[in-house]
PDB file of N, CA and C in Angstrom:
ATOM      1  N   MET A   1     -11.482-105.662  39.183  1.00  0.00           N
ATOM      2  CA  MET A   1     -10.295-105.659  40.020  1.00  0.00           C
ATOM      3  C   MET A   1      -9.430-104.447  39.710  1.00  0.00           C
ATOM      4  N   ASN A   2      -9.238-104.160  38.414  1.00  0.00           N
ATOM      5  CA  ASN A   2      -8.426-103.012  38.050  1.00  0.00           C
ATOM      6  C   ASN A   2      -9.060-101.701  38.506  1.00  0.00           C
ATOM      7  N   ASP A   3     -10.404-101.630  38.471  1.00  0.00           N
ATOM      8  CA  ASP A   3     -11.078-100.413  38.939  1.00  0.00           C
ATOM      9  C   ASP A   3     -10.853-100.210  40.440  1.00  0.00           C
ATOM     10  N   ARG A   4     -10.922-101.289  41.195  1.00  0.00           N
ATOM     11  CA  ARG A   4     -10.709-101.198  42.650  1.00  0.00           C
ATOM     12  C   ARG A   4      -9.287-100.758  42.952  1.00  0.00           C
ATOM     13  N   VAL A   5      -8.311-101.309  42.290  1.00  0.00           N
ATOM     14  CA  VAL A   5      -6.906-100.934  42.484  1.00  0.00           C
ATOM     15  C   VAL A   5      -6.686 -99.495  42.043  1.00  0.00           C
ATOM     16  N   ALA A   6      -7.329 -99.100  40.958  1.00  0.00           N
ATOM     17  CA  ALA A   6      -7.197 -97.720  40.477  1.00  0.00           C
ATOM     18  C   ALA A   6      -7.760 -96.743  41.503  1.00  0.00           C
ATOM     19  N   ARG A   7      -8.921 -97.074  42.098  1.00  0.00           N
ATOM     20  CA  ARG A   7      -9.498 -96.196  43.133  1.00  0.00           C
ATOM     21  C   ARG A   7      -8.587 -96.134  44.357  1.00  0.00           C
ATOM     22  N   GLU A   8      -8.014 -97.267  44.725  1.00  0.00           N
ATOM     23  CA  GLU A   8      -7.117 -97.310  45.887  1.00  0.00           C
ATOM     24  C   GLU A   8      -5.886 -96.439  45.647  1.00  0.00           C
ATOM     25  N   TYR A   9      -5.299 -96.570  44.463  1.00  0.00           N
ATOM     26  CA  TYR A   9      -4.129 -95.749  44.156  1.00  0.00           C
ATOM     27  C   TYR A   9      -4.507 -94.279  44.009  1.00  0.00           C
ATOM     28  N   SER A  10      -5.715 -94.016  43.563  1.00  0.00           N
ATOM     29  CA  SER A  10      -6.196 -92.640  43.484  1.00  0.00           C
ATOM     30  C   SER A  10      -6.292 -92.051  44.887  1.00  0.00           C
ATOM     31  N   ASN A  11      -6.766 -92.855  45.832  1.00  0.00           N
ATOM     32  CA  ASN A  11      -6.827 -92.401  47.231  1.00  0.00           C
ATOM     33  C   ASN A  11      -5.422 -92.120  47.771  1.00  0.00           C
ATOM     34  N   TYR A  12      -4.480 -92.961  47.420  1.00  0.00           N
ATOM     35  CA  TYR A  12      -3.094 -92.718  47.848  1.00  0.00           C
ATOM     36  C   TYR A  12      -2.568 -91.414  47.255  1.00  0.00           C
ATOM     37  N   GLY A  13      -2.948 -91.133  46.025  1.00  0.00           N
ATOM     38  CA  GLY A  13      -2.544 -89.876  45.389  1.00  0.00           C
ATOM     39  C   GLY A  13      -3.124 -88.682  46.113  1.00  0.00           C
ATOM     40  N   ASP A  14      -4.391 -88.788  46.532  1.00  0.00           N
ATOM     41  CA  ASP A  14      -5.019 -87.704  47.290  1.00  0.00           C
ATOM     42  C   ASP A  14      -4.313 -87.508  48.631  1.00  0.00           C
ATOM     43  N   ILE A  15      -3.990 -88.609  49.278  1.00  0.00           N
ATOM     44  CA  ILE A  15      -3.272 -88.525  50.563  1.00  0.00           C
ATOM     45  C   ILE A  15      -1.905 -87.886  50.362  1.00  0.00           C
ATOM     46  N   ALA A  16      -1.206 -88.289  49.308  1.00  0.00           N
ATOM     47  CA  ALA A  16       0.119 -87.721  49.034  1.00  0.00           C
ATOM     48  C   ALA A  16       0.015 -86.232  48.730  1.00  0.00           C
ATOM     49  N   ALA A  17      -1.017 -85.819  48.000  1.00  0.00           N
ATOM     50  CA  ALA A  17      -1.202 -84.391  47.699  1.00  0.00           C
ATOM     51  C   ALA A  17      -1.474 -83.617  48.982  1.00  0.00           C
ATOM     52  N   GLY A  18      -2.292 -84.193  49.862  1.00  0.00           N
ATOM     53  CA  GLY A  18      -2.563 -83.540  51.149  1.00  0.00           C
ATOM     54  C   GLY A  18      -1.307 -83.429  51.992  1.00  0.00           C
ATOM     55  N   LEU A  19      -0.503 -84.481  51.981  1.00  0.00           N
ATOM     56  CA  LEU A  19       0.759 -84.437  52.730  1.00  0.00           C
ATOM     57  C   LEU A  19       1.710 -83.392  52.151  1.00  0.00           C
ATOM     58  N   ARG A  20       1.710 -83.265  50.814  1.00  0.00           N
ATOM     59  CA  ARG A  20       2.576 -82.276  50.175  1.00  0.00           C
ATOM     60  C   ARG A  20       2.182 -80.865  50.618  1.00  0.00           C
ATOM     61  N   VAL A  21       0.878 -80.594  50.652  1.00  0.00           N
ATOM     62  CA  VAL A  21       0.394 -79.283  51.101  1.00  0.00           C
ATOM     63  C   VAL A  21       0.789 -79.061  52.562  1.00  0.00           C
ATOM     64  N   PHE A  22       0.634 -80.082  53.379  1.00  0.00           N
ATOM     65  CA  PHE A  22       0.984 -79.975  54.795  1.00  0.00           C
ATOM     66  C   PHE A  22       2.469 -79.682  54.971  1.00  0.00           C
ATOM     67  N   VAL A  23       3.313 -80.377  54.229  1.00  0.00           N
ATOM     68  CA  VAL A  23       4.762 -80.164  54.314  1.00  0.00           C
ATOM     69  C   VAL A  23       5.121 -78.760  53.841  1.00  0.00           C
ATOM     70  N   GLU A  24       4.459 -78.279  52.794  1.00  0.00           N
ATOM     71  CA  GLU A  24       4.716 -76.913  52.322  1.00  0.00           C
ATOM     72  C   GLU A  24       4.343 -75.895  53.391  1.00  0.00           C
ATOM     73  N   GLN A  25       3.232 -76.116  54.089  1.00  0.00           N
ATOM     74  CA  GLN A  25       2.826 -75.215  55.168  1.00  0.00           C
ATOM     75  C   GLN A  25       3.840 -75.244  56.311  1.00  0.00           C
ATOM     76  N   LEU A  26       4.318 -76.434  56.639  1.00  0.00           N
ATOM     77  CA  LEU A  26       5.337 -76.535  57.694  1.00  0.00           C
ATOM     78  C   LEU A  26       6.622 -75.819  57.294  1.00  0.00           C
ATOM     79  N   ASN A  27       7.029 -75.968  56.038  1.00  0.00           N
ATOM     80  CA  ASN A  27       8.232 -75.274  55.565  1.00  0.00           C
ATOM     81  C   ASN A  27       8.055 -73.764  55.630  1.00  0.00           C
ATOM     82  N   GLU A  28       6.860 -73.289  55.295  1.00  0.00           N
ATOM     83  CA  GLU A  28       6.578 -71.848  55.364  1.00  0.00           C
ATOM     84  C   GLU A  28       6.701 -71.355  56.814  1.00  0.00           C
ATOM     85  N   LYS A  29       6.131 -72.105  57.743  1.00  0.00           N
ATOM     86  CA  LYS A  29       6.231 -71.734  59.159  1.00  0.00           C
ATOM     87  C   LYS A  29       7.680 -71.789  59.632  1.00  0.00           C
ATOM     88  N   ASN A  30       8.408 -72.775  59.164  1.00  0.00           N
ATOM     89  CA  ASN A  30       9.811 -72.911  59.550  1.00  0.00           C
ATOM     90  C   ASN A  30      10.617 -71.707  59.072  1.00  0.00           C
ATOM     91  N   ARG A  31      10.342 -71.236  57.853  1.00  0.00           N
ATOM     92  CA  ARG A  31      11.043 -70.046  57.348  1.00  0.00           C
ATOM     93  C   ARG A  31      10.718 -68.828  58.206  1.00  0.00           C
ATOM     94  N   GLY A  32       9.506 -68.774  58.746  1.00  0.00           N
ATOM     95  CA  GLY A  32       9.133 -67.683  59.641  1.00  0.00           C
ATOM     96  C   GLY A  32       9.940 -67.714  60.933  1.00  0.00           C
ATOM     97  N   PHE A  33      10.308 -68.903  61.386  1.00  0.00           N
ATOM     98  CA  PHE A  33      11.097 -69.026  62.613  1.00  0.00           C
ATOM     99  C   PHE A  33      12.570 -68.710  62.390  1.00  0.00           C
ATOM    100  N   ASP A  34      13.026 -68.782  61.154  1.00  0.00           N
ATOM    101  CA  ASP A  34      14.438 -68.499  60.871  1.00  0.00           C
ATOM    102  C   ASP A  34      14.827 -67.093  61.318  1.00  0.00           C
ATOM    103  N   ASP A  35      13.918 -66.125  61.135  1.00  0.00           N
ATOM    104  CA  ASP A  35      14.202 -64.760  61.581  1.00  0.00           C
ATOM    105  C   ASP A  35      14.385 -64.713  63.095  1.00  0.00           C
ATOM    106  N   TYR A  36      13.501 -65.413  63.803  1.00  0.00           N
ATOM    107  CA  TYR A  36      13.596 -65.430  65.261  1.00  0.00           C
ATOM    108  C   TYR A  36      14.869 -66.132  65.733  1.00  0.00           C
ATOM    109  N   VAL A  37      15.222 -67.196  65.069  1.00  0.00           N
ATOM    110  CA  VAL A  37      16.437 -67.930  65.439  1.00  0.00           C
ATOM    111  C   VAL A  37      17.666 -67.056  65.224  1.00  0.00           C
ATOM    112  N   SER A  38      17.705 -66.318  64.125  1.00  0.00           N
ATOM    113  CA  SER A  38      18.858 -65.439  63.887  1.00  0.00           C
ATOM    114  C   SER A  38      18.893 -64.313  64.916  1.00  0.00           C
ATOM    115  N   GLN A  39      17.729 -63.804  65.324  1.00  0.00           N
ATOM    116  CA  GLN A  39      17.693 -62.775  66.369  1.00  0.00           C
ATOM    117  C   GLN A  39      18.178 -63.336  67.702  1.00  0.00           C
ATOM    118  N   ILE A  40      17.784 -64.556  68.013  1.00  0.00           N
ATOM    119  CA  ILE A  40      18.231 -65.189  69.258  1.00  0.00           C
ATOM    120  C   ILE A  40      19.739 -65.399  69.231  1.00  0.00           C
ATOM    121  N   ASP A  41      20.273 -65.812  68.094  1.00  0.00           N
ATOM    122  CA  ASP A  41      21.726 -65.985  67.971  1.00  0.00           C
ATOM    123  C   ASP A  41      22.451 -64.660  68.172  1.00  0.00           C
ATOM    124  N   ALA A  42      21.908 -63.576  67.603  1.00  0.00           N
ATOM    125  CA  ALA A  42      22.528 -62.257  67.765  1.00  0.00           C
ATOM    126  C   ALA A  42      22.484 -61.821  69.227  1.00  0.00           C
ATOM    127  N   ILE A  43      21.366 -62.047  69.888  1.00  0.00           N
ATOM    128  CA  ILE A  43      21.246 -61.693  71.309  1.00  0.00           C
ATOM    129  C   ILE A  43      22.216 -62.515  72.140  1.00  0.00           C
ATOM    130  N   ASP A  44      22.348 -63.790  71.831  1.00  0.00           N
ATOM    131  CA  ASP A  44      23.286 -64.656  72.547  1.00  0.00           C
ATOM    132  C   ASP A  44      24.713 -64.144  72.392  1.00  0.00           C
ATOM    133  N   GLN A  45      25.073 -63.723  71.195  1.00  0.00           N
ATOM    134  CA  GLN A  45      26.415 -63.178  70.958  1.00  0.00           C
ATOM    135  C   GLN A  45      26.622 -61.895  71.761  1.00  0.00           C
ATOM    136  N   GLN A  46      25.613 -61.028  71.787  1.00  0.00           N
ATOM    137  CA  GLN A  46      25.714 -59.785  72.550  1.00  0.00           C
ATOM    138  C   GLN A  46      25.840 -60.066  74.045  1.00  0.00           C
ATOM    139  N   VAL A  47      25.104 -61.043  74.542  1.00  0.00           N
ATOM    140  CA  VAL A  47      25.184 -61.402  75.965  1.00  0.00           C
ATOM    141  C   VAL A  47      26.576 -61.927  76.297  1.00  0.00           C
ATOM    142  N   THR A  48      27.148 -62.729  75.410  1.00  0.00           N
ATOM    143  CA  THR A  48      28.500 -63.249  75.627  1.00  0.00           C
ATOM    144  C   THR A  48      29.505 -62.104  75.697  1.00  0.00           C
ATOM    145  N   GLU A  49      29.384 -61.139  74.787  1.00  0.00           N
ATOM    146  CA  GLU A  49      30.287 -59.988  74.803  1.00  0.00           C
ATOM    147  C   GLU A  49      30.068 -59.153  76.062  1.00  0.00           C
ATOM    148  N   PHE A  50      28.807 -58.981  76.462  1.00  0.00           N
ATOM    149  CA  PHE A  50      28.488 -58.215  77.662  1.00  0.00           C
ATOM    150  C   PHE A  50      29.070 -58.882  78.904  1.00  0.00           C
ATOM    151  N   GLU A  51      28.975 -60.206  78.980  1.00  0.00           N
ATOM    152  CA  GLU A  51      29.547 -60.932  80.116  1.00  0.00           C
ATOM    153  C   GLU A  51      31.054 -60.751  80.172  1.00  0.00           C
ATOM    154  N   ALA A  52      31.719 -60.711  79.026  1.00  0.00           N
ATOM    155  CA  ALA A  52      33.166 -60.494  79.000  1.00  0.00           C
ATOM    156  C   ALA A  52      33.503 -59.103  79.520  1.00  0.00           C
ATOM    157  N   VAL A  53      32.722 -58.101  79.128  1.00  0.00           N
ATOM    158  CA  VAL A  53      32.956 -56.734  79.600  1.00  0.00           C
ATOM    159  C   VAL A  53      32.709 -56.644  81.102  1.00  0.00           C
ATOM    160  N   VAL A  54      31.642 -57.278  81.572  1.00  0.00           N
ATOM    161  CA  VAL A  54      31.333 -57.261  83.007  1.00  0.00           C
ATOM    162  C   VAL A  54      32.448 -57.930  83.795  1.00  0.00           C
ATOM    163  N   SER A  55      32.967 -59.030  83.297  1.00  0.00           N
ATOM    164  CA  SER A  55      34.067 -59.720  83.968  1.00  0.00           C
ATOM    165  C   SER A  55      35.304 -58.832  84.037  1.00  0.00           C
ATOM    166  N   MET A  56      35.608 -58.150  82.940  1.00  0.00           N
ATOM    167  CA  MET A  56      36.759 -57.254  82.915  1.00  0.00           C
ATOM    168  C   MET A  56      36.560 -56.101  83.905  1.00  0.00           C
ATOM    169  N   LEU A  57      35.355 -55.528  83.929  1.00  0.00           N
ATOM    170  CA  LEU A  57      35.072 -54.438  84.861  1.00  0.00           C
ATOM    171  C   LEU A  57      35.120 -54.920  86.306  1.00  0.00           C
ATOM    172  N   ASP A  58      34.663 -56.134  86.557  1.00  0.00           N
ATOM    173  CA  ASP A  58      34.706 -56.691  87.907  1.00  0.00           C
ATOM    174  C   ASP A  58      36.147 -56.822  88.389  1.00  0.00           C
ATOM    175  N   LYS A  59      37.019 -57.286  87.512  1.00  0.00           N
ATOM    176  CA  LYS A  59      38.436 -57.394  87.876  1.00  0.00           C
ATOM    177  C   LYS A  59      39.031 -56.019  88.129  1.00  0.00           C
ATOM    178  N   ARG A  60      38.652 -55.037  87.309  1.00  0.00           N
ATOM    179  CA  ARG A  60      39.168 -53.671  87.471  1.00  0.00           C
ATOM    180  C   ARG A  60      38.691 -53.075  88.797  1.00  0.00           C
ATOM    181  N   VAL A  61      37.428 -53.295  89.130  1.00  0.00           N
ATOM    182  CA  VAL A  61      36.888 -52.787  90.393  1.00  0.00           C
ATOM    183  C   VAL A  61      37.592 -53.444  91.575  1.00  0.00           C
ATOM    184  N   ALA A  62      37.849 -54.737  91.495  1.00  0.00           N
ATOM    185  CA  ALA A  62      38.560 -55.428  92.576  1.00  0.00           C
ATOM    186  C   ALA A  62      39.956 -54.843  92.751  1.00  0.00           C
ATOM    187  N   LEU A  63      40.636 -54.551  91.650  1.00  0.00           N
ATOM    188  CA  LEU A  63      41.963 -53.942  91.723  1.00  0.00           C
ATOM    189  C   LEU A  63      41.893 -52.553  92.353  1.00  0.00           C
ATOM    190  N   LEU A  64      40.906 -51.757  91.952  1.00  0.00           N
ATOM    191  CA  LEU A  64      40.751 -50.419  92.531  1.00  0.00           C
ATOM    192  C   LEU A  64      40.398 -50.493  94.017  1.00  0.00           C
ATOM    193  N   GLU A  65      39.601 -51.476  94.407  1.00  0.00           N
ATOM    194  CA  GLU A  65      39.285 -51.644  95.830  1.00  0.00           C
ATOM    195  C   GLU A  65      40.542 -51.954  96.627  1.00  0.00           C
ATOM    196  N   LYS A  66      41.400 -52.804  96.097  1.00  0.00           N
ATOM    197  CA  LYS A  66      42.655 -53.115  96.790  1.00  0.00           C
ATOM    198  C   LYS A  66      43.533 -51.879  96.894  1.00  0.00           C
ATOM    199  N   LYS A  67      43.589 -51.087  95.825  1.00  0.00           N
ATOM    200  CA  LYS A  67      44.390 -49.862  95.863  1.00  0.00           C
ATOM    201  C   LYS A  67      43.835 -48.888  96.898  1.00  0.00           C
ATOM    202  N   MET A  68      42.505 -48.789  96.980  1.00  0.00           N
ATOM    203  CA  MET A  68      41.902 -47.895  97.968  1.00  0.00           C
ATOM    204  C   MET A  68      42.185 -48.389  99.384  1.00  0.00           C
ATOM    205  N   GLN A  69      42.116 -49.688  99.595  1.00  0.00           N
ATOM    206  CA  GLN A  69      42.420 -50.226 100.916  1.00  0.00           C
ATOM    207  C   GLN A  69      43.859 -49.914 101.295  1.00  0.00           C
ATOM    208  N   LEU A  70      44.769 -50.063 100.344  1.00  0.00           N
ATOM    209  CA  LEU A  70      46.167 -49.738 100.624  1.00  0.00           C
ATOM    210  C   LEU A  70      46.339 -48.253 100.884  1.00  0.00           C
ATOM    211  N   ALA A  71      45.617 -47.419 100.148  1.00  0.00           N
ATOM    212  CA  ALA A  71      45.725 -45.973 100.336  1.00  0.00           C
ATOM    213  C   ALA A  71      45.226 -45.568 101.714  1.00  0.00           C
ATOM    214  N   VAL A  72      44.267 -46.293 102.248  1.00  0.00           N
ATOM    215  CA  VAL A  72      43.745 -45.987 103.577  1.00  0.00           C
ATOM    216  C   VAL A  72      44.616 -46.615 104.650  1.00  0.00           C
ATOM    217  N   VAL A  73      45.052 -47.836 104.465  1.00  0.00           N
ATOM    218  CA  VAL A  73      45.791 -48.569 105.490  1.00  0.00           C
ATOM    219  C   VAL A  73      47.231 -48.093 105.591  1.00  0.00           C
ATOM    220  N   LEU A  74      47.896 -47.856 104.491  1.00  0.00           N
ATOM    221  CA  LEU A  74      49.317 -47.499 104.539  1.00  0.00           C
ATOM    222  C   LEU A  74      49.588 -46.198 105.293  1.00  0.00           C
ATOM    223  N   PRO A  75      48.841 -45.114 105.067  1.00  0.00           N
ATOM    224  CA  PRO A  75      49.116 -43.918 105.879  1.00  0.00           C
ATOM    225  C   PRO A  75      48.937 -44.172 107.368  1.00  0.00           C
ATOM    226  N   GLU A  76      47.905 -44.943 107.734  1.00  0.00           N
ATOM    227  CA  GLU A  76      47.717 -45.270 109.147  1.00  0.00           C
ATOM    228  C   GLU A  76      48.883 -46.102 109.657  1.00  0.00           C
ATOM    229  N   LEU A  77      49.372 -47.018 108.849  1.00  0.00           N
ATOM    230  CA  LEU A  77      50.499 -47.852 109.237  1.00  0.00           C
ATOM    231  C   LEU A  77      51.751 -47.001 109.415  1.00  0.00           C
ATOM    232  N   PHE A  78      52.014 -46.099 108.470  1.00  0.00           N
ATOM    233  CA  PHE A  78      53.177 -45.226 108.597  1.00  0.00           C
ATOM    234  C   PHE A  78      53.056 -44.324 109.822  1.00  0.00           C
ATOM    235  N   TYR A  79      51.859 -43.828 110.095  1.00  0.00           N
ATOM    236  CA  TYR A  79      51.650 -42.986 111.264  1.00  0.00           C
ATOM    237  C   TYR A  79      51.902 -43.790 112.536  1.00  0.00           C
ATOM    238  N   TYR A  80      51.429 -45.028 112.590  1.00  0.00           N
ATOM    239  CA  TYR A  80      51.628 -45.896 113.741  1.00  0.00           C
ATOM    240  C   TYR A  80      53.113 -46.185 113.933  1.00  0.00           C
ATOM    241  N   VAL A  81      53.818 -46.495 112.863  1.00  0.00           N
ATOM    242  CA  VAL A  81      55.251 -46.781 112.957  1.00  0.00           C
ATOM    243  C   VAL A  81      56.000 -45.535 113.394  1.00  0.00           C
ATOM    244  N   GLU A  82      55.612 -44.383 112.861  1.00  0.00           N
ATOM    245  CA  GLU A  82      56.291 -43.134 113.220  1.00  0.00           C
ATOM    246  C   GLU A  82      56.080 -42.815 114.692  1.00  0.00           C
ATOM    247  N   LEU A  83      54.868 -43.011 115.195  1.00  0.00           N
ATOM    248  CA  LEU A  83      54.605 -42.759 116.613  1.00  0.00           C
ATOM    249  C   LEU A  83      55.414 -43.700 117.487  1.00  0.00           C
ATOM    250  N   ASN A  84      55.455 -44.956 117.161  1.00  0.00           N
ATOM    251  CA  ASN A  84      56.209 -45.920 117.949  1.00  0.00           C
ATOM    252  C   ASN A  84      57.701 -45.632 117.866  1.00  0.00           C
ATOM    253  N   TYR A  85      58.179 -45.234 116.700  1.00  0.00           N
ATOM    254  CA  TYR A  85      59.592 -44.917 116.529  1.00  0.00           C
ATOM    255  C   TYR A  85      59.959 -43.707 117.388  1.00  0.00           C
ATOM    256  N   THR A  86      59.116 -42.665 117.355  1.00  0.00           N
ATOM    257  CA  THR A  86      59.370 -41.467 118.160  1.00  0.00           C
ATOM    258  C   THR A  86      59.271 -41.800 119.641  1.00  0.00           C
ATOM    259  N   SER A  87      58.271 -42.571 120.007  1.00  0.00           N
ATOM    260  CA  SER A  87      58.104 -42.942 121.413  1.00  0.00           C
ATOM    261  C   SER A  87      59.289 -43.758 121.895  1.00  0.00           C
ATOM    262  N   PHE A  88      59.784 -44.633 121.063  1.00  0.00           N
ATOM    263  CA  PHE A  88      60.912 -45.465 121.445  1.00  0.00           C
ATOM    264  C   PHE A  88      62.123 -44.591 121.760  1.00  0.00           C
ATOM    265  N   PHE A  89      62.393 -43.630 120.886  1.00  0.00           N
ATOM    266  CA  PHE A  89      63.566 -42.788 121.110  1.00  0.00           C
ATOM    267  C   PHE A  89      63.352 -41.800 122.241  1.00  0.00           C
ATOM    268  N   CYS A  90      62.118 -41.339 122.434  1.00  0.00           N
ATOM    269  CA  CYS A  90      61.866 -40.384 123.508  1.00  0.00           C
ATOM    270  C   CYS A  90      61.971 -41.055 124.871  1.00  0.00           C
ATOM    271  N   PHE A  91      61.456 -42.243 124.999  1.00  0.00           N
ATOM    272  CA  PHE A  91      61.429 -42.897 126.291  1.00  0.00           C
ATOM    273  C   PHE A  91      62.683 -43.701 126.575  1.00  0.00           C
ATOM    274  N   SER A  92      63.446 -44.015 125.568  1.00  0.00           N
ATOM    275  CA  SER A  92      64.649 -44.799 125.809  1.00  0.00           C
ATOM    276  C   SER A  92      65.847 -43.904 126.077  1.00  0.00           C
ATOM    277  N   GLY A  93      65.680 -42.599 125.899  1.00  0.00           N
ATOM    278  CA  GLY A  93      66.780 -41.696 126.163  1.00  0.00           C
ATOM    279  C   GLY A  93      67.782 -41.642 125.036  1.00  0.00           C
ATOM    280  N   ILE A  94      67.443 -42.131 123.883  1.00  0.00           N
ATOM    281  CA  ILE A  94      68.381 -42.114 122.761  1.00  0.00           C
ATOM    282  C   ILE A  94      68.293 -40.815 122.042  1.00  0.00           C
TER     283      ILE A  94
END
């Protein structure tokens, strides 16, 4: 009986040793992924900063577009008002 139990526990020891080797291999592979994870985190941080810059530039471009529209529209508006003002005084006899 003791021999049978000893063999059974010996088998458990072999299984535990095999599991230990397997876990060590998994830990080794996991350490290999740590480099990739840190690179992904760095890329994510750079993308976040890039998105902030793009957003700022988008707002700046929108502001410049509005300024350009005003630069084009206002002279035409002043010219239109000036023509109507002159026409009003010329035709009204004032």
